[in-house]
Amino acid sequence: MCSPSFEACRTTFPRHYIRVTAYDASYGRQTTALSFLVQRPAEEPGFLLTRVESDDRRQRYGWQPYATGSPSGRRYGA
């Protein structure tokens, strides 16, 4: 069961990702100890990071949408 603050967040942002992050201050700096998603949107657009090597071994990155390649719910092998 979710806490009231999670439910308020889900009500406010019904079509967004909601992530919970816990920090560990024992190292003297802000360090992530735990992080997980409590909500994913019903429909995710889906993008693929592409890398291309160009002249002088430089690497360039770009985005390629793959949402139109597979129907919703079948993008992750489910």
N, C-alpha and C. Protein backbone atom coordinates (compact mmCIF):
# COMPACT_ATOMS: atom_id res chain seq x y z
N MET A 1 0.85 -1.18 0.00
CA MET A 1 0.00 0.00 0.00
C MET A 1 0.89 1.24 0.00
N CYS A 2 0.55 2.21 -0.79
CA CYS A 2 1.34 3.44 -0.89
C CYS A 2 0.97 4.41 0.22
N SER A 3 1.94 5.24 0.58
CA SER A 3 1.68 6.25 1.59
C SER A 3 0.83 7.37 0.97
N PRO A 4 0.21 8.20 1.80
CA PRO A 4 -0.62 9.29 1.27
C PRO A 4 0.15 10.25 0.37
N SER A 5 1.44 10.46 0.63
CA SER A 5 2.20 11.38 -0.21
C SER A 5 2.42 10.79 -1.60
N PHE A 6 2.59 9.46 -1.72
CA PHE A 6 2.70 8.84 -3.03
C PHE A 6 1.39 8.96 -3.79
N GLU A 7 0.30 8.73 -3.10
CA GLU A 7 -1.01 8.83 -3.75
C GLU A 7 -1.29 10.25 -4.21
N ALA A 8 -0.89 11.24 -3.42
CA ALA A 8 -1.07 12.64 -3.82
C ALA A 8 -0.22 12.95 -5.05
N CYS A 9 0.97 12.41 -5.10
CA CYS A 9 1.85 12.61 -6.25
C CYS A 9 1.27 11.93 -7.48
N ARG A 10 0.76 10.72 -7.33
CA ARG A 10 0.14 10.00 -8.45
C ARG A 10 -1.10 10.72 -8.96
N THR A 11 -1.88 11.30 -8.04
CA THR A 11 -3.06 12.04 -8.45
C THR A 11 -2.69 13.30 -9.20
N THR A 12 -1.64 13.98 -8.75
CA THR A 12 -1.20 15.21 -9.39
C THR A 12 -0.55 14.95 -10.74
N PHE A 13 0.23 13.86 -10.85
CA PHE A 13 0.96 13.54 -12.08
C PHE A 13 0.60 12.13 -12.56
N PRO A 14 -0.62 11.92 -13.09
CA PRO A 14 -1.04 10.57 -13.45
C PRO A 14 -0.32 9.99 -14.67
N ARG A 15 0.25 10.83 -15.52
CA ARG A 15 0.90 10.34 -16.74
C ARG A 15 2.40 10.60 -16.74
N HIS A 16 3.03 10.58 -15.58
CA HIS A 16 4.45 10.85 -15.46
C HIS A 16 5.17 9.71 -14.73
N TYR A 17 6.48 9.71 -14.86
CA TYR A 17 7.31 8.81 -14.05
C TYR A 17 7.39 9.40 -12.65
N ILE A 18 7.36 8.55 -11.63
CA ILE A 18 7.56 8.98 -10.25
C ILE A 18 8.66 8.10 -9.67
N ARG A 19 9.75 8.73 -9.26
CA ARG A 19 10.91 8.01 -8.73
C ARG A 19 11.11 8.38 -7.27
N VAL A 20 11.44 7.38 -6.47
CA VAL A 20 11.79 7.58 -5.07
C VAL A 20 13.30 7.40 -4.95
N THR A 21 13.95 8.36 -4.33
CA THR A 21 15.39 8.30 -4.14
C THR A 21 15.72 8.51 -2.67
N ALA A 22 16.51 7.61 -2.11
CA ALA A 22 16.95 7.71 -0.71
C ALA A 22 18.44 8.04 -0.71
N TYR A 23 18.82 9.00 0.11
CA TYR A 23 20.21 9.44 0.18
C TYR A 23 20.87 8.96 1.46
N ASP A 24 22.17 8.72 1.37
CA ASP A 24 22.98 8.30 2.52
C ASP A 24 23.97 9.41 2.81
N ALA A 25 23.83 10.06 3.96
CA ALA A 25 24.69 11.17 4.32
C ALA A 25 25.92 10.74 5.11
N SER A 26 26.13 9.44 5.31
CA SER A 26 27.25 8.98 6.14
C SER A 26 28.60 9.24 5.50
N TYR A 27 28.66 9.46 4.20
CA TYR A 27 29.94 9.74 3.53
C TYR A 27 30.32 11.21 3.59
N GLY A 28 29.46 12.04 4.15
CA GLY A 28 29.76 13.47 4.24
C GLY A 28 29.35 14.23 2.98
N ARG A 29 28.73 13.56 2.03
CA ARG A 29 28.22 14.20 0.83
C ARG A 29 26.94 13.48 0.43
N GLN A 30 26.19 14.08 -0.44
CA GLN A 30 24.92 13.48 -0.85
C GLN A 30 25.18 12.31 -1.78
N THR A 31 24.90 11.11 -1.32
CA THR A 31 25.15 9.89 -2.07
C THR A 31 23.86 9.09 -2.16
N THR A 32 23.50 8.66 -3.37
CA THR A 32 22.28 7.88 -3.55
C THR A 32 22.49 6.47 -3.00
N ALA A 33 21.62 6.07 -2.08
CA ALA A 33 21.68 4.73 -1.50
C ALA A 33 20.65 3.80 -2.15
N LEU A 34 19.53 4.36 -2.59
CA LEU A 34 18.45 3.56 -3.15
C LEU A 34 17.63 4.43 -4.08
N SER A 35 17.23 3.89 -5.21
CA SER A 35 16.40 4.63 -6.15
C SER A 35 15.54 3.64 -6.93
N PHE A 36 14.25 3.92 -7.03
CA PHE A 36 13.36 3.05 -7.79
C PHE A 36 12.13 3.83 -8.26
N LEU A 37 11.47 3.32 -9.29
CA LEU A 37 10.26 3.92 -9.81
C LEU A 37 9.05 3.36 -9.07
N VAL A 38 8.13 4.24 -8.70
CA VAL A 38 6.88 3.79 -8.10
C VAL A 38 5.73 3.90 -9.09
N GLN A 39 5.97 4.60 -10.21
CA GLN A 39 4.95 4.70 -11.25
C GLN A 39 5.59 4.96 -12.59
N ARG A 40 5.07 4.30 -13.60
CA ARG A 40 5.46 4.54 -14.99
C ARG A 40 4.21 4.95 -15.74
N PRO A 41 4.35 5.79 -16.77
CA PRO A 41 3.16 6.15 -17.54
C PRO A 41 2.64 4.94 -18.31
N ALA A 42 1.35 4.94 -18.60
CA ALA A 42 0.74 3.82 -19.32
C ALA A 42 1.33 3.68 -20.71
N GLU A 43 1.62 4.80 -21.34
CA GLU A 43 2.21 4.79 -22.68
C GLU A 43 3.54 5.53 -22.63
N GLU A 44 4.60 4.85 -23.02
CA GLU A 44 5.93 5.47 -23.04
C GLU A 44 6.32 5.71 -24.50
N PRO A 45 6.88 6.88 -24.80
CA PRO A 45 7.21 7.17 -26.19
C PRO A 45 8.31 6.30 -26.74
N GLY A 46 9.32 6.00 -25.98
CA GLY A 46 10.41 5.12 -26.40
C GLY A 46 11.38 5.77 -27.36
N PHE A 47 12.63 5.85 -26.94
CA PHE A 47 13.69 6.41 -27.77
C PHE A 47 14.91 5.51 -27.67
N LEU A 48 15.68 5.49 -28.72
CA LEU A 48 16.90 4.69 -28.80
C LEU A 48 18.08 5.64 -28.96
N LEU A 49 19.10 5.49 -28.13
CA LEU A 49 20.31 6.30 -28.24
C LEU A 49 21.21 5.66 -29.30
N THR A 50 21.54 6.42 -30.32
CA THR A 50 22.40 5.91 -31.39
C THR A 50 23.76 6.60 -31.32
N ARG A 51 24.81 5.84 -31.61
CA ARG A 51 26.17 6.39 -31.58
C ARG A 51 26.81 6.15 -32.95
N VAL A 52 27.45 7.18 -33.47
CA VAL A 52 28.11 7.10 -34.77
C VAL A 52 29.52 7.65 -34.61
N GLU A 53 30.52 6.91 -35.11
CA GLU A 53 31.88 7.42 -35.09
C GLU A 53 32.09 8.27 -36.34
N SER A 54 32.69 9.43 -36.14
CA SER A 54 32.94 10.32 -37.27
C SER A 54 34.45 10.50 -37.43
N ASP A 55 34.82 11.52 -38.14
CA ASP A 55 36.25 11.76 -38.41
C ASP A 55 37.05 11.90 -37.11
N ASP A 56 38.30 11.48 -37.16
CA ASP A 56 39.22 11.58 -36.04
C ASP A 56 38.71 10.85 -34.79
N ARG A 57 37.97 9.76 -35.00
CA ARG A 57 37.45 8.89 -33.94
C ARG A 57 36.51 9.60 -32.96
N ARG A 58 35.92 10.69 -33.37
CA ARG A 58 34.93 11.36 -32.53
C ARG A 58 33.64 10.58 -32.54
N GLN A 59 32.98 10.56 -31.42
CA GLN A 59 31.71 9.86 -31.32
C GLN A 59 30.59 10.87 -31.16
N ARG A 60 29.57 10.68 -31.97
CA ARG A 60 28.41 11.57 -31.92
C ARG A 60 27.20 10.74 -31.54
N TYR A 61 26.30 11.37 -30.81
CA TYR A 61 25.11 10.66 -30.32
C TYR A 61 23.85 11.33 -30.86
N GLY A 62 22.83 10.54 -31.02
CA GLY A 62 21.54 11.05 -31.46
C GLY A 62 20.42 10.20 -30.91
N TRP A 63 19.20 10.68 -31.07
CA TRP A 63 18.01 9.99 -30.59
C TRP A 63 17.22 9.47 -31.78
N GLN A 64 16.71 8.27 -31.65
CA GLN A 64 15.88 7.69 -32.69
C GLN A 64 14.63 7.12 -32.02
N PRO A 65 13.43 7.61 -32.37
CA PRO A 65 12.23 7.07 -31.74
C PRO A 65 11.93 5.67 -32.26
N TYR A 66 11.62 4.75 -31.36
CA TYR A 66 11.22 3.42 -31.78
C TYR A 66 9.79 3.10 -31.35
N ALA A 67 9.09 4.10 -30.85
CA ALA A 67 7.73 3.88 -30.38
C ALA A 67 6.81 3.46 -31.51
N THR A 68 7.05 3.94 -32.70
CA THR A 68 6.17 3.58 -33.81
C THR A 68 6.50 2.20 -34.37
N GLY A 69 7.66 1.65 -34.01
CA GLY A 69 8.05 0.34 -34.51
C GLY A 69 7.34 -0.82 -33.84
N SER A 70 6.93 -0.66 -32.59
CA SER A 70 6.23 -1.71 -31.84
C SER A 70 5.02 -1.11 -31.15
N PRO A 71 3.94 -1.84 -31.04
CA PRO A 71 2.77 -1.31 -30.34
C PRO A 71 3.03 -1.20 -28.84
N SER A 72 2.26 -0.36 -28.19
CA SER A 72 2.40 -0.15 -26.75
C SER A 72 2.24 -1.47 -26.02
N GLY A 73 3.11 -1.72 -25.04
CA GLY A 73 3.07 -2.95 -24.27
C GLY A 73 3.92 -4.08 -24.83
N ARG A 74 4.48 -3.91 -26.03
CA ARG A 74 5.31 -4.94 -26.62
C ARG A 74 6.73 -4.47 -26.88
N ARG A 75 7.10 -3.32 -26.34
CA ARG A 75 8.42 -2.75 -26.61
C ARG A 75 9.54 -3.40 -25.82
N TYR A 76 9.23 -4.02 -24.70
CA TYR A 76 10.26 -4.54 -23.81
C TYR A 76 10.23 -6.04 -23.71
N GLY A 77 9.71 -6.70 -24.72
CA GLY A 77 9.68 -8.15 -24.74
C GLY A 77 8.63 -8.79 -23.88
N ALA A 78 7.65 -8.00 -23.44
CA ALA A 78 6.58 -8.53 -22.58
C ALA A 78 5.54 -9.26 -23.39
